[in-house]
Amino acid sequence: TLQPPEIELLLQPGGASVEGQVVDAAGAAVPGALVFVGPLPQFAAFKPSRSNARTDNAGEFRIDGLPAGRIELSSIYNVKGAGSIDGELLPGTPTQLTIVLKPTGGVEGIVTYEDRPVSGADITIKMLSGATAKGTSEETGSYSIEGLPEGEGELTVGFPNRKPGASGPQIVSRNIAVSSGQTLIVDINAGASE
């Protein structure tokens, strides 16, 4: 009879760990901040399931099972801001890192067509820094996108249910300038060229 080959499994120790705290620009702990290994992914503020950790009530976090070597950690917490830090992980004792969040800004407004609110409009913001964020207008036509870095970018409003060549709301783009700690108001009339 044929015998299966023997397989030997070698278990490695858990690798390196990092722990630390997320604080705002004033040094206050930020509970509930998302922490990522690596740079912030696109739409990080809207996809908490992709984070590696979330800070506790004291703003503290811990991530185990990482490979030793250079690491970048990043964090975001809605309008409190976003930040990152580099460090060196060594096996054994956890590396201590503090991530300081820099304030971010936001954009909000109302999408209308023929003086009526438009629900379900796709809002896309592309910042010159490379950051991108998306949102959708609500039944009232209102939208709000937070956690944007300071700088210039472009806001585009599209209408996924509009058939090509049909009359109705048109795709609209606007140049924007986001300021840290501020919410920019950008109302869109999808039936007028502004």
Protein backbone atom coordinates (compact mmCIF):
# COMPACT_ATOMS: atom_id res chain seq x y z
CA THR A 1 0.00 0.00 0.00
CA LEU A 2 1.01 3.51 -0.64
CA GLN A 3 1.95 5.53 2.43
CA PRO A 4 1.47 9.33 2.50
CA PRO A 5 4.74 11.21 2.90
CA GLU A 6 5.62 12.44 6.35
CA ILE A 7 5.16 16.17 6.84
CA GLU A 8 7.06 18.01 9.53
CA LEU A 9 5.61 21.33 10.73
CA LEU A 10 7.92 23.81 12.37
CA LEU A 11 6.10 26.42 14.41
CA GLN A 12 7.81 29.78 14.66
CA PRO A 13 7.45 32.04 17.71
CA GLY A 14 4.87 34.82 17.30
CA GLY A 15 7.25 37.36 15.78
CA ALA A 16 7.26 40.98 16.83
CA SER A 17 4.65 43.19 18.48
CA VAL A 18 3.90 46.88 18.57
CA GLU A 19 1.88 48.75 21.14
CA GLY A 20 1.31 52.37 21.80
CA GLN A 21 -1.16 55.19 21.85
CA VAL A 22 -2.95 57.45 19.38
CA VAL A 23 -3.13 61.09 20.47
CA ASP A 24 -4.47 64.28 18.90
CA ALA A 25 -2.37 67.37 18.14
CA ALA A 26 -2.85 68.57 21.76
CA GLY A 27 -1.59 65.24 23.16
CA ALA A 28 -4.99 63.96 24.33
CA ALA A 29 -5.73 60.24 23.91
CA VAL A 30 -8.03 59.33 21.01
CA PRO A 31 -10.33 56.38 21.85
CA GLY A 32 -11.81 54.48 18.92
CA ALA A 33 -9.12 55.42 16.38
CA LEU A 34 -8.39 52.89 13.64
CA VAL A 35 -4.76 51.70 13.41
CA PHE A 36 -3.31 50.19 10.22
CA VAL A 37 0.00 48.46 9.49
CA GLY A 38 1.32 50.45 6.52
CA PRO A 39 -0.01 53.67 5.00
CA LEU A 40 -3.67 54.58 5.32
CA PRO A 41 -5.66 52.66 2.72
CA GLN A 42 -8.10 54.56 0.51
CA PHE A 43 -11.39 55.20 2.29
CA ALA A 44 -9.83 54.12 5.60
CA ALA A 45 -12.33 56.09 7.65
CA PHE A 46 -15.20 54.22 6.04
CA LYS A 47 -13.81 50.66 6.24
CA PRO A 48 -12.96 49.89 9.88
CA SER A 49 -12.97 46.15 9.12
CA ARG A 50 -9.69 46.61 7.24
CA SER A 51 -7.88 48.06 10.25
CA ASN A 52 -5.40 46.00 12.27
CA ALA A 53 -6.53 47.47 15.60
CA ARG A 54 -8.84 50.01 17.22
CA THR A 55 -7.72 52.05 20.21
CA ASP A 56 -9.32 51.44 23.60
CA ASN A 57 -10.75 54.09 25.95
CA ALA A 58 -7.21 55.26 26.82
CA GLY A 59 -6.28 55.59 23.13
CA GLU A 60 -4.01 52.55 23.39
CA PHE A 61 -3.53 49.67 20.95
CA ARG A 62 -1.49 46.49 20.47
CA ILE A 63 -0.78 44.43 17.35
CA ASP A 64 0.93 41.02 17.63
CA GLY A 65 2.36 38.54 15.15
CA LEU A 66 4.21 41.02 12.95
CA PRO A 67 7.52 40.32 11.22
CA ALA A 68 10.59 41.98 12.76
CA GLY A 69 11.99 44.94 10.83
CA ARG A 70 10.90 48.40 9.67
CA ILE A 71 7.21 49.19 10.04
CA GLU A 72 4.90 52.06 9.23
CA LEU A 73 1.77 52.50 11.33
CA SER A 74 -1.02 54.87 10.38
CA SER A 75 -4.19 55.92 12.13
CA ILE A 76 -7.36 57.87 11.42
CA TYR A 77 -10.28 59.06 13.50
CA ASN A 78 -12.98 61.00 11.64
CA VAL A 79 -12.44 64.75 12.04
CA LYS A 80 -9.80 64.36 14.78
CA GLY A 81 -7.31 63.67 12.02
CA ALA A 82 -4.89 61.21 10.53
CA GLY A 83 -1.25 60.43 11.17
CA SER A 84 1.53 57.91 10.74
CA ILE A 85 4.86 56.90 12.28
CA ASP A 86 7.77 54.64 11.31
CA GLY A 87 9.52 52.31 13.72
CA GLU A 88 11.75 49.25 14.04
CA LEU A 89 10.20 46.05 15.37
CA LEU A 90 12.38 43.58 17.26
CA PRO A 91 11.34 40.08 18.33
CA GLY A 92 10.58 39.74 22.02
CA THR A 93 9.65 43.00 23.74
CA PRO A 94 6.87 45.01 22.05
CA THR A 95 8.00 48.21 20.31
CA GLN A 96 6.36 51.34 21.75
CA LEU A 97 5.06 53.92 19.23
CA THR A 98 2.85 56.97 19.56
CA ILE A 99 0.85 58.16 16.56
CA VAL A 100 -0.03 61.87 16.57
CA LEU A 101 -3.09 62.74 14.49
CA LYS A 102 -2.95 65.90 12.39
CA PRO A 103 -6.30 67.63 11.95
CA THR A 104 -8.21 66.84 8.75
CA GLY A 105 -11.06 68.62 7.02
CA GLY A 106 -14.34 67.73 5.41
CA VAL A 107 -16.72 68.62 2.60
CA GLU A 108 -20.50 68.64 2.79
CA GLY A 109 -23.40 70.02 0.82
CA ILE A 110 -26.65 69.31 -0.98
CA VAL A 111 -27.09 67.91 -4.50
CA THR A 112 -30.14 69.26 -6.38
CA TYR A 113 -31.63 69.04 -9.86
CA GLU A 114 -34.40 71.44 -10.91
CA ASP A 115 -34.61 72.69 -7.30
CA ARG A 116 -35.28 69.17 -5.96
CA PRO A 117 -32.88 67.10 -3.82
CA VAL A 118 -31.11 64.21 -5.57
CA SER A 119 -30.63 61.02 -3.54
CA GLY A 120 -28.12 58.33 -4.51
CA ALA A 121 -25.68 60.65 -6.29
CA ASP A 122 -22.08 59.38 -6.17
CA ILE A 123 -19.69 61.92 -4.66
CA THR A 124 -15.97 61.37 -5.35
CA ILE A 125 -13.17 63.55 -3.99
CA LYS A 126 -9.65 63.22 -5.39
CA MET A 127 -7.06 65.30 -3.58
CA LEU A 128 -3.84 66.38 -5.34
CA SER A 129 -1.97 64.54 -2.55
CA GLY A 130 -3.42 61.27 -3.90
CA ALA A 131 -6.03 60.77 -1.17
CA THR A 132 -9.45 59.71 -2.45
CA ALA A 133 -12.81 59.52 -0.68
CA LYS A 134 -16.34 58.64 -1.76
CA GLY A 135 -19.84 59.17 -0.47
CA THR A 136 -23.47 59.08 -1.58
CA SER A 137 -26.15 61.75 -1.23
CA GLU A 138 -29.04 60.94 1.10
CA GLU A 139 -32.76 61.25 0.42
CA THR A 140 -32.55 64.96 1.30
CA GLY A 141 -29.73 65.41 -1.26
CA SER A 142 -27.22 66.03 1.52
CA TYR A 143 -23.76 64.45 1.69
CA SER A 144 -20.83 64.69 4.07
CA ILE A 145 -17.27 63.40 3.64
CA GLU A 146 -14.78 63.77 6.49
CA GLY A 147 -11.17 62.83 7.17
CA LEU A 148 -9.68 64.63 4.16
CA PRO A 149 -6.11 65.94 4.22
CA GLU A 150 -5.53 69.67 3.85
CA GLY A 151 -4.98 70.77 0.26
CA GLU A 152 -6.55 71.14 -3.14
CA GLY A 153 -8.55 68.58 -5.03
CA GLU A 154 -11.56 67.89 -7.21
CA LEU A 155 -15.10 66.94 -6.21
CA THR A 156 -17.12 65.06 -8.84
CA VAL A 157 -20.82 64.22 -8.61
CA GLY A 158 -22.10 61.37 -10.79
CA PHE A 159 -25.48 59.75 -11.21
CA PRO A 160 -25.30 55.93 -11.46
CA ASN A 161 -28.99 55.51 -12.37
CA ARG A 162 -28.90 57.97 -15.29
CA LYS A 163 -28.91 56.32 -18.71
CA PRO A 164 -26.43 57.70 -21.28
CA GLY A 165 -28.07 60.29 -23.53
CA ALA A 166 -31.10 60.66 -21.24
CA SER A 167 -32.14 64.03 -19.93
CA GLY A 168 -31.63 64.66 -16.25
CA PRO A 169 -28.81 65.51 -13.89
CA GLN A 170 -25.41 65.96 -15.48
CA ILE A 171 -21.99 64.94 -14.09
CA VAL A 172 -20.57 67.95 -12.27
CA SER A 173 -16.99 68.64 -11.13
CA ARG A 174 -15.71 71.40 -8.83
CA ASN A 175 -12.23 72.35 -7.69
CA ILE A 176 -12.04 72.43 -3.89
CA ALA A 177 -9.57 73.53 -1.22
CA VAL A 178 -9.82 71.63 2.09
CA SER A 179 -8.54 73.23 5.32
CA SER A 180 -7.64 71.31 8.47
CA GLY A 181 -10.32 71.49 11.13
CA GLN A 182 -12.83 73.04 8.72
CA THR A 183 -15.84 71.76 6.79
CA LEU A 184 -16.15 73.18 3.28
CA ILE A 185 -19.73 73.65 2.01
CA VAL A 186 -20.15 72.68 -1.66
CA ASP A 187 -23.76 72.63 -2.89
CA ILE A 188 -24.23 71.17 -6.37
CA ASN A 189 -26.96 72.08 -8.87
CA ALA A 190 -26.74 69.15 -11.31
CA GLY A 191 -28.80 70.90 -13.97
CA ALA A 192 -26.79 74.08 -14.36
CA SER A 193 -23.32 74.80 -15.67
CA GLU A 194 -21.59 76.86 -13.01
